[in-house]
Protein backbone atom coordinates (compact mmCIF):
# COMPACT_ATOMS: atom_id res chain seq x y z
CA MET A 1 8.90 -154.86 82.62
CA LYS A 2 11.83 -156.70 82.19
CA SER A 3 12.40 -155.43 78.77
CA GLN A 4 12.02 -151.71 79.55
CA LEU A 5 14.72 -152.04 81.94
CA LEU A 6 17.04 -153.58 79.47
CA GLY A 7 16.06 -150.79 77.19
CA GLY A 8 17.01 -148.71 79.19
CA ALA A 9 19.82 -150.32 80.23
CA ARG A 10 20.63 -150.14 77.03
CA ARG A 11 20.40 -146.08 76.02
CA SER A 12 22.16 -145.93 79.32
CA ALA A 13 25.34 -147.72 78.08
CA ALA A 14 24.89 -146.47 74.67
CA ALA A 15 24.93 -142.85 76.01
CA TYR A 16 28.01 -143.16 78.21
CA ASP A 17 29.95 -144.95 75.43
CA GLU A 18 29.29 -141.26 73.09
CA GLU A 19 29.96 -139.27 76.70
CA LEU A 20 33.36 -141.21 76.68
CA ARG A 21 34.52 -140.99 72.99
CA SER A 22 32.87 -137.26 73.23
CA MET A 23 35.39 -136.68 76.48
CA ARG A 24 38.09 -138.44 75.05
CA ARG A 25 38.45 -136.61 71.55
CA ARG A 26 38.22 -133.32 73.23
CA THR A 27 40.71 -134.66 75.68
CA LEU A 28 43.28 -135.45 73.41
CA VAL A 29 42.53 -132.00 71.08
CA VAL A 30 43.49 -129.94 73.96
CA LEU A 31 45.95 -131.60 74.89
CA TYR A 32 47.73 -132.04 71.62
CA MET A 33 47.27 -127.99 71.29
CA THR A 34 48.60 -127.74 75.22
CA TYR A 35 52.05 -129.17 74.50
CA ALA A 36 51.87 -128.04 70.51
CA CYS A 37 52.34 -124.44 73.02
CA PHE A 38 54.97 -125.48 75.17
CA TYR A 39 57.14 -126.60 72.47
CA LEU A 40 56.78 -123.35 70.06
CA SER A 41 57.70 -121.49 73.27
CA ARG A 42 60.82 -123.27 73.55
CA LYS A 43 61.94 -122.84 69.68
CA ALA A 44 62.67 -119.32 69.59
CA ASP A 45 66.01 -120.13 71.04
CA SER A 46 67.49 -121.49 68.24
CA VAL A 47 66.13 -118.35 65.86
CA VAL A 48 67.27 -115.89 67.87
CA LYS A 49 71.05 -117.29 68.00
CA ILE A 50 72.10 -115.18 65.47
CA ALA A 51 70.31 -112.01 66.44
CA LEU A 52 71.86 -112.40 70.07
CA HIS A 53 75.25 -112.49 68.64
CA GLU A 54 75.60 -109.83 65.52
CA GLU A 55 72.91 -107.37 67.84
CA GLU A 56 74.06 -108.08 71.44
CA GLY A 57 77.39 -109.65 71.36
CA PHE A 58 76.69 -113.11 72.70
CA SER A 59 79.97 -114.75 71.75
CA VAL A 60 78.99 -118.85 70.40
CA GLU A 61 80.09 -120.16 73.94
CA ASP A 62 77.58 -117.82 75.32
CA LEU A 63 75.24 -119.63 73.44
CA ALA A 64 76.00 -122.56 74.48
CA MET A 65 76.14 -121.58 77.92
CA LEU A 66 72.23 -120.86 77.62
CA ASP A 67 71.40 -124.01 76.12
CA THR A 68 73.48 -125.81 78.96
CA VAL A 69 72.03 -124.54 81.43
CA TYR A 70 68.57 -124.76 79.89
CA LEU A 71 68.52 -128.48 79.51
CA SER A 72 70.53 -129.30 83.05
CA VAL A 73 67.66 -127.37 84.72
CA TYR A 74 65.27 -128.94 82.43
CA THR A 75 66.32 -132.71 82.80
CA GLY A 76 66.73 -131.84 86.74
CA SER A 77 63.16 -130.79 87.53
CA THR A 78 62.14 -133.42 85.13
CA MET A 79 63.89 -135.98 86.73
CA ALA A 80 63.14 -134.62 90.54
CA LEU A 81 59.08 -134.79 88.99
CA ALA A 82 59.64 -138.61 88.38
CA ALA A 83 61.35 -138.98 91.95
CA SER A 84 58.88 -137.47 93.29
CA GLY A 85 55.55 -139.26 92.73
CA LEU A 86 53.80 -135.83 91.15
CA LEU A 87 52.75 -138.06 88.19
CA SER A 88 51.73 -140.75 90.06
CA GLY A 89 48.48 -139.65 90.21
CA TRP A 90 47.37 -137.46 93.26
CA LEU A 91 48.46 -134.30 91.11
CA ASP A 92 45.54 -131.88 89.33
CA SER A 93 46.46 -132.72 86.47
CA SER A 94 44.29 -129.39 84.75
CA LYS A 95 46.00 -126.95 87.14
CA PHE A 96 48.96 -128.13 87.22
CA LEU A 97 49.60 -127.43 83.24
CA CYS A 98 47.65 -124.15 83.51
CA THR A 99 50.11 -123.18 86.56
CA ALA A 100 53.06 -123.96 83.95
CA LEU A 101 51.51 -122.56 80.92
CA MET A 102 50.54 -119.29 82.77
CA CYS A 103 54.27 -119.11 84.25
CA LEU A 104 55.83 -119.72 80.62
CA ALA A 105 54.06 -116.81 79.32
CA ILE A 106 56.01 -114.55 81.79
CA THR A 107 59.00 -116.25 81.44
CA SER A 108 58.36 -115.42 77.45
CA TRP A 109 58.04 -111.80 78.37
CA LEU A 110 61.29 -112.11 80.75
CA LYS A 111 63.36 -113.32 78.44
CA SER A 112 62.28 -110.86 75.48
CA ARG A 113 63.75 -107.99 77.63
CA ALA A 114 66.78 -109.42 78.09
CA ARG A 115 70.44 -107.59 77.06
CA THR A 116 72.75 -109.93 78.51
CA PRO A 117 74.35 -113.79 79.20
CA THR A 118 73.61 -113.47 82.57
CA GLU A 119 70.37 -112.64 82.72
CA PHE A 120 69.43 -114.61 79.92
CA ALA A 121 70.70 -117.83 81.77
CA ALA A 122 68.72 -116.45 84.75
CA TYR A 123 65.57 -116.34 83.02
CA GLN A 124 66.37 -119.86 81.11
CA VAL A 125 66.41 -121.21 84.51
CA LEU A 126 62.77 -119.89 84.97
CA HIS A 127 61.80 -121.14 81.92
CA ALA A 128 63.29 -124.46 81.82
CA PHE A 129 61.86 -125.33 85.39
CA PHE A 130 58.17 -125.16 83.87
CA GLN A 131 58.80 -126.66 80.71
CA SER A 132 59.84 -129.88 82.84
CA ALA A 133 55.93 -130.11 83.54
CA GLY A 134 54.47 -130.41 80.12
CA TRP A 135 55.91 -133.50 78.35
CA PRO A 136 55.30 -136.40 81.63
CA THR A 137 51.72 -134.63 82.90
CA CYS A 138 50.53 -134.67 78.91
CA ILE A 139 51.70 -138.05 78.15
CA LYS A 140 50.44 -139.46 81.19
CA LEU A 141 46.94 -138.47 80.47
CA VAL A 142 47.18 -139.40 76.71
CA GLY A 143 48.20 -142.78 78.30
CA ILE A 144 45.07 -142.77 80.57
CA TRP A 145 42.74 -141.84 78.41
CA VAL A 146 43.86 -143.94 74.93
CA THR A 147 44.54 -148.23 74.96
CA GLU A 148 43.89 -149.30 71.42
CA ASN A 149 45.90 -148.25 68.64
CA ARG A 150 48.46 -146.69 70.75
CA GLY A 151 50.92 -146.89 68.48
CA PHE A 152 48.93 -145.14 65.65
CA VAL A 153 47.67 -142.94 68.29
CA MET A 154 50.48 -141.63 69.73
CA GLY A 155 51.66 -141.17 66.42
CA ILE A 156 49.12 -138.74 65.53
CA TRP A 157 49.11 -136.46 68.75
CA THR A 158 52.96 -136.49 69.32
CA THR A 159 53.09 -134.64 65.87
CA CYS A 160 52.35 -131.68 68.63
CA GLN A 161 55.75 -131.26 69.01
CA SER A 162 56.35 -131.11 64.66
CA LEU A 163 53.65 -128.68 64.76
CA GLY A 164 55.05 -126.71 67.59
CA GLY A 165 58.25 -126.94 66.44
CA ILE A 166 56.96 -125.35 63.23
CA LEU A 167 55.04 -122.71 63.86
CA GLY A 168 57.62 -121.41 66.43
CA ALA A 169 60.46 -121.20 64.25
CA LEU A 170 58.17 -119.62 61.23
CA TRP A 171 56.57 -117.00 63.56
CA ALA A 172 59.70 -116.81 65.63
CA THR A 173 61.62 -115.52 62.30
CA TRP A 174 58.86 -113.78 61.28
CA PHE A 175 58.62 -111.12 63.59
CA MET A 176 62.34 -111.21 63.78
CA SER A 177 62.97 -110.34 60.55
CA HIS A 178 59.83 -107.38 60.80
CA TYR A 179 60.34 -106.33 64.22
CA SER A 180 62.81 -107.58 66.42
CA TRP A 181 64.38 -110.43 68.24
CA SER A 182 62.24 -109.19 71.18
CA TYR A 183 59.65 -110.19 69.28
CA SER A 184 59.92 -113.81 68.82
CA TYR A 185 59.24 -114.25 73.02
CA LEU A 186 56.32 -111.72 73.36
CA TYR A 187 53.88 -113.31 70.82
CA HIS A 188 54.25 -116.23 73.12
CA VAL A 189 52.28 -114.36 75.94
CA PRO A 190 48.91 -113.91 74.65
CA LEU A 191 49.33 -117.53 73.97
CA MET A 192 50.43 -119.25 76.95
CA VAL A 193 47.64 -117.32 78.77
CA ALA A 194 44.60 -118.56 77.01
CA MET A 195 46.22 -121.84 76.91
CA GLY A 196 46.50 -122.51 80.36
CA ILE A 197 42.46 -121.37 80.44
CA VAL A 198 41.59 -123.99 78.29
CA CYS A 199 43.51 -126.41 80.12
CA TYR A 200 42.23 -125.22 83.44
CA PHE A 201 38.54 -125.74 82.19
CA THR A 202 38.60 -129.41 80.42
CA ILE A 203 41.50 -131.02 81.42
CA ARG A 204 40.14 -134.87 83.49
CA ASP A 205 42.32 -137.13 84.93
CA ASP A 206 40.45 -140.02 84.21
CA PRO A 207 37.65 -141.34 82.08
CA PRO A 208 34.32 -141.07 83.78
CA ASN A 209 33.41 -144.37 85.38
CA ARG A 210 29.33 -145.92 85.25
CA ASP A 211 27.51 -146.09 88.85
CA ASP A 212 27.72 -150.02 90.18
CA GLU A 213 23.76 -150.11 89.57
CA ASP A 214 24.33 -149.43 85.68
CA ASP A 215 26.64 -152.26 85.16
CA ASP A 216 24.35 -154.48 87.79
CA GLU A 217 22.05 -153.40 85.01
CA ASP A 218 23.85 -153.93 82.03
CA GLY A 219 25.52 -157.27 82.78
CA ASP A 220 27.10 -157.63 79.51
CA ASP A 221 25.78 -154.64 77.80
CA LEU A 222 28.61 -152.86 78.88
CA PRO A 223 30.02 -150.21 76.87
CA GLU A 224 32.44 -150.81 74.42
CA GLY A 225 35.14 -148.37 75.41
CA PRO A 226 38.93 -148.94 73.68
CA THR A 227 39.24 -152.51 74.38
CA LEU A 228 42.24 -154.59 73.89
CA VAL A 229 42.66 -157.98 71.51
CA MET A 230 44.95 -159.96 72.48
CA ASN A 231 47.70 -161.07 69.42
CA ASP A 232 50.50 -163.76 69.99
CA ASN A 233 52.75 -161.84 67.17
CA ASN A 234 53.33 -158.65 70.33
CA ARG A 235 56.97 -159.64 70.76
CA GLY A 236 59.73 -157.05 71.38
CA CYS A 237 58.59 -153.87 73.24
CA PRO A 238 55.08 -154.92 73.96
CA GLY A 239 52.50 -153.57 72.67
CA ASP A 240 48.90 -152.69 74.08
CA MET A 241 47.37 -155.65 73.88
CA GLU A 242 50.84 -158.13 74.90
CA MET A 243 50.30 -155.21 77.74
CA ALA A 244 46.82 -156.64 78.62
CA LYS A 245 48.17 -160.07 78.53
CA ARG A 246 51.11 -159.43 80.93
CA ARG A 247 48.58 -157.81 83.54
CA GLY A 248 45.89 -160.41 83.62
CA ARG A 249 43.42 -157.45 82.46
CA LEU A 250 42.07 -159.20 79.68
CA GLY A 251 38.36 -160.73 80.67
CA SER A 252 38.30 -158.38 83.74
CA THR A 253 35.32 -156.18 83.73
CA GLY A 254 34.09 -152.89 85.90
CA SER A 255 34.31 -149.85 83.58
CA ARG A 256 37.08 -148.95 84.84
CA SER A 257 39.36 -151.82 82.38
CA ARG A 258 36.23 -150.93 79.73
CA ALA A 259 37.45 -147.50 80.14
CA GLY A 260 41.60 -148.86 79.77
CA SER A 261 42.29 -147.79 82.82
CA PHE A 262 44.39 -149.71 84.67
CA PRO A 263 45.34 -148.49 88.56
CA GLY A 264 48.26 -151.52 89.43
CA THR A 265 48.37 -152.79 92.19
CA GLU A 266 52.00 -151.12 93.96
CA GLU A 267 52.77 -147.80 94.62
CA VAL A 268 54.94 -146.22 91.68
CA THR A 269 58.24 -145.24 93.32
CA LEU A 270 61.78 -144.43 91.03
CA TYR A 271 63.13 -147.89 91.90
CA LYS A 272 60.39 -149.79 91.44
CA VAL A 273 60.33 -148.29 87.84
CA LEU A 274 64.05 -148.34 86.61
CA HIS A 275 63.34 -151.95 87.80
CA ILE A 276 60.72 -152.88 84.67
CA PRO A 277 62.87 -154.86 82.61
CA GLY A 278 64.29 -153.08 79.55
CA VAL A 279 63.70 -149.57 81.12
CA VAL A 280 67.79 -149.15 81.30
CA TRP A 281 68.37 -150.03 77.48
CA ILE A 282 65.77 -147.78 76.29
CA LEU A 283 67.42 -144.64 78.48
CA ILE A 284 70.50 -145.16 77.24
CA SER A 285 68.91 -145.86 73.49
CA TYR A 286 67.44 -142.14 74.29
CA PHE A 287 70.66 -140.65 75.28
CA PHE A 288 71.74 -141.02 72.14
CA LEU A 289 69.06 -140.20 70.14
CA LYS A 290 68.35 -137.15 72.07
CA PHE A 291 71.77 -135.85 71.88
CA LEU A 292 71.44 -136.08 68.21
CA ARG A 293 67.55 -134.33 67.94
CA TYR A 294 68.56 -131.63 70.06
CA ALA A 295 71.78 -131.21 68.19
CA LEU A 296 70.01 -130.35 64.98
CA LEU A 297 66.82 -128.76 66.70
CA MET A 298 68.94 -126.32 68.04
CA TRP A 299 71.62 -125.70 65.50
CA LEU A 300 69.96 -126.06 62.56
CA PRO A 301 69.85 -122.08 61.60
CA TYR A 302 73.11 -121.73 62.71
CA TYR A 303 74.32 -124.46 60.49
CA TYR A 304 72.63 -122.92 57.46
CA GLU A 305 73.62 -119.13 57.68
CA GLU A 306 77.40 -119.54 59.42
CA GLY A 307 77.63 -123.31 57.29
CA LEU A 308 76.51 -123.31 54.03
CA HIS A 309 75.79 -119.11 54.05
CA PHE A 310 71.77 -118.74 53.50
CA ASP A 311 70.63 -115.34 54.58
CA GLN A 312 68.86 -115.25 58.08
CA SER A 313 65.37 -115.76 57.25
CA LEU A 314 66.39 -118.79 54.27
CA ALA A 315 67.93 -119.93 56.88
CA GLY A 316 65.03 -120.06 59.74
CA TYR A 317 63.33 -121.45 57.45
CA MET A 318 65.16 -124.29 56.40
CA SER A 319 65.49 -125.34 59.81
CA SER A 320 61.72 -125.83 59.65
CA CYS A 321 62.03 -128.75 57.43
CA PHE A 322 63.19 -131.04 60.60
CA GLU A 323 59.93 -130.75 62.30
CA LEU A 324 58.00 -130.97 59.11
CA GLY A 325 59.21 -134.54 58.00
CA GLY A 326 59.40 -135.04 62.11
CA MET A 327 55.22 -134.32 61.09
CA ILE A 328 54.37 -137.31 58.75
CA GLY A 329 57.14 -139.56 61.01
CA THR A 330 55.70 -140.00 64.25
CA PRO A 331 52.00 -141.08 62.25
CA PHE A 332 53.63 -142.84 60.36
CA ILE A 333 56.20 -144.65 62.41
CA GLY A 334 53.25 -145.41 65.15
CA TRP A 335 51.44 -147.13 62.00
CA PHE A 336 54.27 -149.23 60.95
CA SER A 337 54.86 -150.75 64.52
CA ASP A 338 51.07 -150.76 65.23
CA GLN A 339 50.14 -152.70 62.27
CA VAL A 340 53.44 -153.97 60.21
CA LEU A 341 55.85 -154.91 63.25
CA GLN A 342 52.95 -156.29 65.38
CA GLY A 343 53.63 -153.90 68.43
CA ARG A 344 57.39 -154.39 68.26
CA ARG A 345 58.24 -150.87 69.05
CA ASP A 346 61.93 -151.12 70.12
CA LEU A 347 62.57 -152.76 66.83
CA THR A 348 60.45 -150.33 64.64
CA ALA A 349 62.20 -147.23 66.02
CA ALA A 350 65.64 -149.21 65.51
CA TRP A 351 65.03 -149.53 62.06
CA PHE A 352 64.05 -146.10 61.27
CA LEU A 353 67.81 -145.02 63.01
CA SER A 354 69.28 -147.31 60.57
CA GLY A 355 67.76 -145.55 57.92
CA ALA A 356 68.79 -141.76 59.58
CA SER A 357 72.12 -142.80 59.70
CA ILE A 358 72.12 -143.19 55.91
CA MET A 359 70.46 -139.85 55.29
CA LEU A 360 72.49 -138.01 58.06
CA MET A 361 75.17 -138.71 55.41
CA ALA A 362 73.59 -137.75 52.75
CA CYS A 363 73.15 -134.30 54.03
CA VAL A 364 77.08 -133.78 54.45
CA LEU A 365 77.29 -134.50 50.44
CA VAL A 366 74.72 -132.58 49.09
CA SER A 367 75.66 -129.56 51.66
CA ALA A 368 76.91 -127.75 48.42
CA ALA A 369 73.84 -128.73 46.15
CA GLY A 370 71.79 -125.66 46.84
CA VAL A 371 68.66 -125.28 48.93
CA THR A 372 66.51 -128.11 47.19
CA LEU A 373 68.19 -131.14 48.01
CA ASN A 374 69.37 -129.70 51.33
CA ALA A 375 65.39 -129.48 52.25
CA VAL A 376 65.01 -132.82 50.74
CA CYS A 377 67.73 -134.41 53.10
CA MET A 378 66.66 -132.45 56.69
CA PHE A 379 62.95 -133.55 55.84
CA LEU A 380 63.64 -137.20 55.66
CA VAL A 381 65.98 -137.06 58.55
CA GLY A 382 63.59 -135.40 60.95
CA ILE A 383 60.89 -138.46 59.67
CA LEU A 384 63.81 -141.11 60.84
CA VAL A 385 64.68 -139.21 63.79
CA ILE A 386 61.61 -136.91 65.42
CA GLY A 387 59.22 -140.80 64.67
CA PRO A 388 61.96 -142.85 67.17
CA ASP A 389 62.01 -140.04 69.71
CA SER A 390 57.63 -139.91 69.98
CA ILE A 391 57.64 -144.01 70.29
CA ILE A 392 60.81 -143.96 72.86
CA SER A 393 59.51 -140.94 74.88
CA GLY A 394 55.82 -141.75 74.43
CA THR A 395 54.21 -144.70 73.37
CA ILE A 396 57.00 -147.36 74.74
CA ALA A 397 57.09 -145.69 77.80
CA GLN A 398 53.31 -145.86 77.75
CA ASP A 399 53.38 -149.24 77.32
CA LEU A 400 56.19 -150.64 79.91
CA GLY A 401 53.62 -148.71 82.44
CA VAL A 402 50.87 -150.23 81.57
CA ALA A 403 52.58 -153.80 81.86
CA SER A 404 54.20 -153.44 84.91
CA SER A 405 52.10 -153.68 88.28
CA MET A 406 51.78 -150.24 89.12
CA GLY A 407 49.75 -149.87 85.94
CA ASN A 408 49.02 -146.77 84.52
CA LYS A 409 50.06 -144.85 87.73
CA ALA A 410 53.89 -145.10 86.41
CA ILE A 411 52.99 -143.90 82.99
CA GLY A 412 53.90 -140.28 84.03
CA THR A 413 56.89 -141.25 86.17
CA LEU A 414 58.34 -143.26 82.93
CA ALA A 415 57.91 -140.76 80.31
CA GLY A 416 59.54 -138.26 83.26
CA LEU A 417 62.82 -140.53 83.32
CA ILE A 418 62.84 -141.44 79.76
CA ASN A 419 62.95 -137.72 79.36
CA SER A 420 65.24 -136.62 81.91
CA VAL A 421 67.79 -138.88 80.54
CA GLY A 422 67.71 -138.34 76.87
CA SER A 423 67.97 -134.49 78.48
CA CYS A 424 71.00 -136.14 79.66
CA GLY A 425 72.35 -136.11 75.97
CA ALA A 426 70.74 -132.74 75.16
CA ILE A 427 72.93 -131.21 77.66
CA PHE A 428 75.90 -133.25 76.32
CA GLN A 429 75.32 -131.59 73.11
CA SER A 430 74.99 -128.04 73.71
CA TYR A 431 78.51 -127.99 74.76
CA ALA A 432 80.07 -130.52 71.91
CA THR A 433 78.11 -129.18 69.18
CA ALA A 434 79.48 -125.79 69.66
CA TYR A 435 82.92 -126.76 70.19
CA ILE A 436 83.12 -129.15 67.15
CA SER A 437 81.43 -127.27 64.47
CA ARG A 438 84.17 -124.52 65.48
CA VAL A 439 87.42 -125.93 65.66
CA TYR A 440 86.84 -129.28 63.74
CA GLY A 441 84.53 -127.89 60.96
CA TRP A 442 80.09 -129.01 59.92
CA SER A 443 81.07 -132.32 58.46
CA VAL A 444 82.85 -133.96 61.52
CA LEU A 445 79.86 -132.61 63.50
CA PHE A 446 77.67 -134.36 61.20
CA THR A 447 80.19 -137.85 61.60
CA ILE A 448 79.30 -137.61 64.80
CA PHE A 449 75.73 -137.45 64.60
CA VAL A 450 76.00 -140.64 61.95
CA ALA A 451 77.79 -142.25 65.25
CA CYS A 452 74.67 -141.50 67.62
CA SER A 453 72.26 -142.96 65.09
CA MET A 454 73.97 -145.80 64.78
CA TRP A 455 74.75 -146.61 68.51
CA SER A 456 70.92 -146.12 69.28
CA ALA A 457 70.00 -148.58 66.59
CA CYS A 458 72.38 -150.61 67.98
CA ILE A 459 70.87 -150.95 71.75
CA LEU A 460 67.19 -150.81 70.30
CA PHE A 461 67.89 -153.88 68.12
CA ALA A 462 69.82 -155.47 71.65
CA VAL A 463 66.64 -154.52 73.43
CA ALA A 464 64.39 -155.74 70.23
CA HIS A 465 66.88 -159.51 70.58
CA ARG A 466 67.00 -159.79 74.04
CA ASN A 467 62.71 -159.36 74.21
CA ARG A 468 62.22 -162.29 71.46
CA GLY A 469 64.16 -164.27 73.50
CA GLU A 470 62.60 -163.28 77.00
CA ALA A 471 59.00 -164.08 75.06
CA LEU A 472 60.58 -167.82 74.06
CA SER A 473 62.40 -168.32 77.00
CA GLY A 474 61.01 -166.34 79.92
CA ILE A 475 64.97 -165.66 81.09
CA THR A 476 65.50 -162.26 81.88
CA SER A 477 69.30 -161.47 80.94
CA GLN A 478 69.48 -157.35 82.89
CA LYS A 479 73.28 -158.51 83.72
CA THR A 480 74.17 -159.27 80.33
CA SER A 481 72.57 -156.76 78.77
CA MET A 482 73.78 -153.75 80.85
CA ARG A 483 77.81 -155.18 80.22
CA ILE A 484 76.47 -155.01 76.06
CA VAL A 485 74.91 -151.67 76.37
CA THR A 486 78.48 -150.35 78.50
CA VAL A 487 80.64 -151.54 75.60
CA CYS A 488 78.39 -149.86 73.44
CA ALA A 489 78.67 -146.56 75.20
CA SER A 490 82.39 -147.18 75.74
CA ILE A 491 83.27 -147.52 72.00
CA PHE A 492 80.94 -144.04 71.64
CA VAL A 493 82.90 -141.92 73.75
CA LEU A 494 86.50 -143.81 71.82
CA TYR A 495 84.95 -142.91 68.74
CA MET A 496 84.43 -139.81 69.72
CA LEU A 497 88.14 -139.10 71.59
CA ALA A 498 89.95 -140.95 68.07
CA LEU A 499 88.00 -138.58 65.30
CA SER A 500 88.80 -135.19 67.15
CA GLY A 501 92.33 -136.57 67.66
CA SER A 502 92.68 -137.11 63.76
CA GLN A 503 91.03 -133.92 62.70
CA GLY A 504 93.46 -132.08 65.09
CA ALA A 505 96.47 -133.83 64.26
CA ALA A 506 95.14 -132.92 60.35
CA SER A 507 94.34 -128.89 61.25
CA ALA A 508 97.83 -128.66 62.78
CA ALA A 509 99.91 -130.66 59.83
CA SER A 510 98.06 -128.20 57.45
CA LYS A 511 98.76 -125.26 59.26
């Protein structure tokens, strides 16, 4: 009789284990497709810039204004979500994502009918508001469902951004060249509606839990979810195993800990999240990184057509090289951070951004060398920029959330906070990119990009050094960290002003 009960318990454990794996795969695939749709719906804005300029009479300043409106609302909405606590667990994620996708379908249709900058800006406000729901909600869910090899898994998952960007650029360019720019938005409508329905019926906030009776029967035969194994080499910005070590979760029992869901013991507030060690550094580093990424994301088609004089279709297709590089860079940086640098994600991102500085300088050098070299350089820039972007805004947010006393409830708030502060950099780039490229030229603009990449890397190197010292001595120097970051930011601003002034003087002298 006892052997029969034990056999039944083991079968029950095996069934639960298989169900958990199946649900995890399905959830990750649906979330992947969901955020790819979110990202796809924003890509048309960069592709149609030339058409709006030439066909509808929008000025360069109007185009910059539209970017600024979008990014300002997106940043404010994401920050409001993070501060309100909506992302801390009590909101039904399936309904939230479904509603956002349905509303994005409506706003895409409205944007296709806009013919004046004011009208377009009004629809941009709505579009940005609903876009802000996507990233923090998806990151929260992925962080709850995945704990093992988080760097590599998140590297694979965040390719959804690049896939959405590539498909968005290719399809928007195709519809614009074969029909009109309006169709670059209209094809979003059925995609958003279909994906919203799928989200509603498939997304679940938490992994399933076994009954207490089953836990008692199984004893040591609890099903294995993504269990955590401690690795003493995990320093820097802690990886998965260090998270569990610092939270005291290793060796805990119960199906929730086995499934990788760590609810935490404290209420999530923005004040507590900001006081997680290392968060402020990460926020400022991501500000510079997102300045760089969004400048490339939103202005590459315009740069290739106006700066390098490629035709309109080729410029649209060439811009997808950046996103294509991101599809390679995100899984590679995740694997590299897990397997080579043993969970030190801050150090990994710092080295990648150092390489991005070199490749951005190469883009200036090969700008007159034809299509192939420009495509290769931008592909490599995509690897070295989008990879760190994904690991900072996704994996590091998950790691820091699980490491805190608030547990995985803090993941959504952290992801929203990092994303919104980074978006401030994206807001700043919209007018800066338009002004610098028009007044001083594209070479000066790419020099600014190099500076952004360098300063983001320097801050992350400082984070890695501080965390390593913390691991050895247990001493936190948050005030010193803030002073160093402030100095770095000040030097960056002074560098931009000095560069702009010298170029302006040279331009005036030539006239």
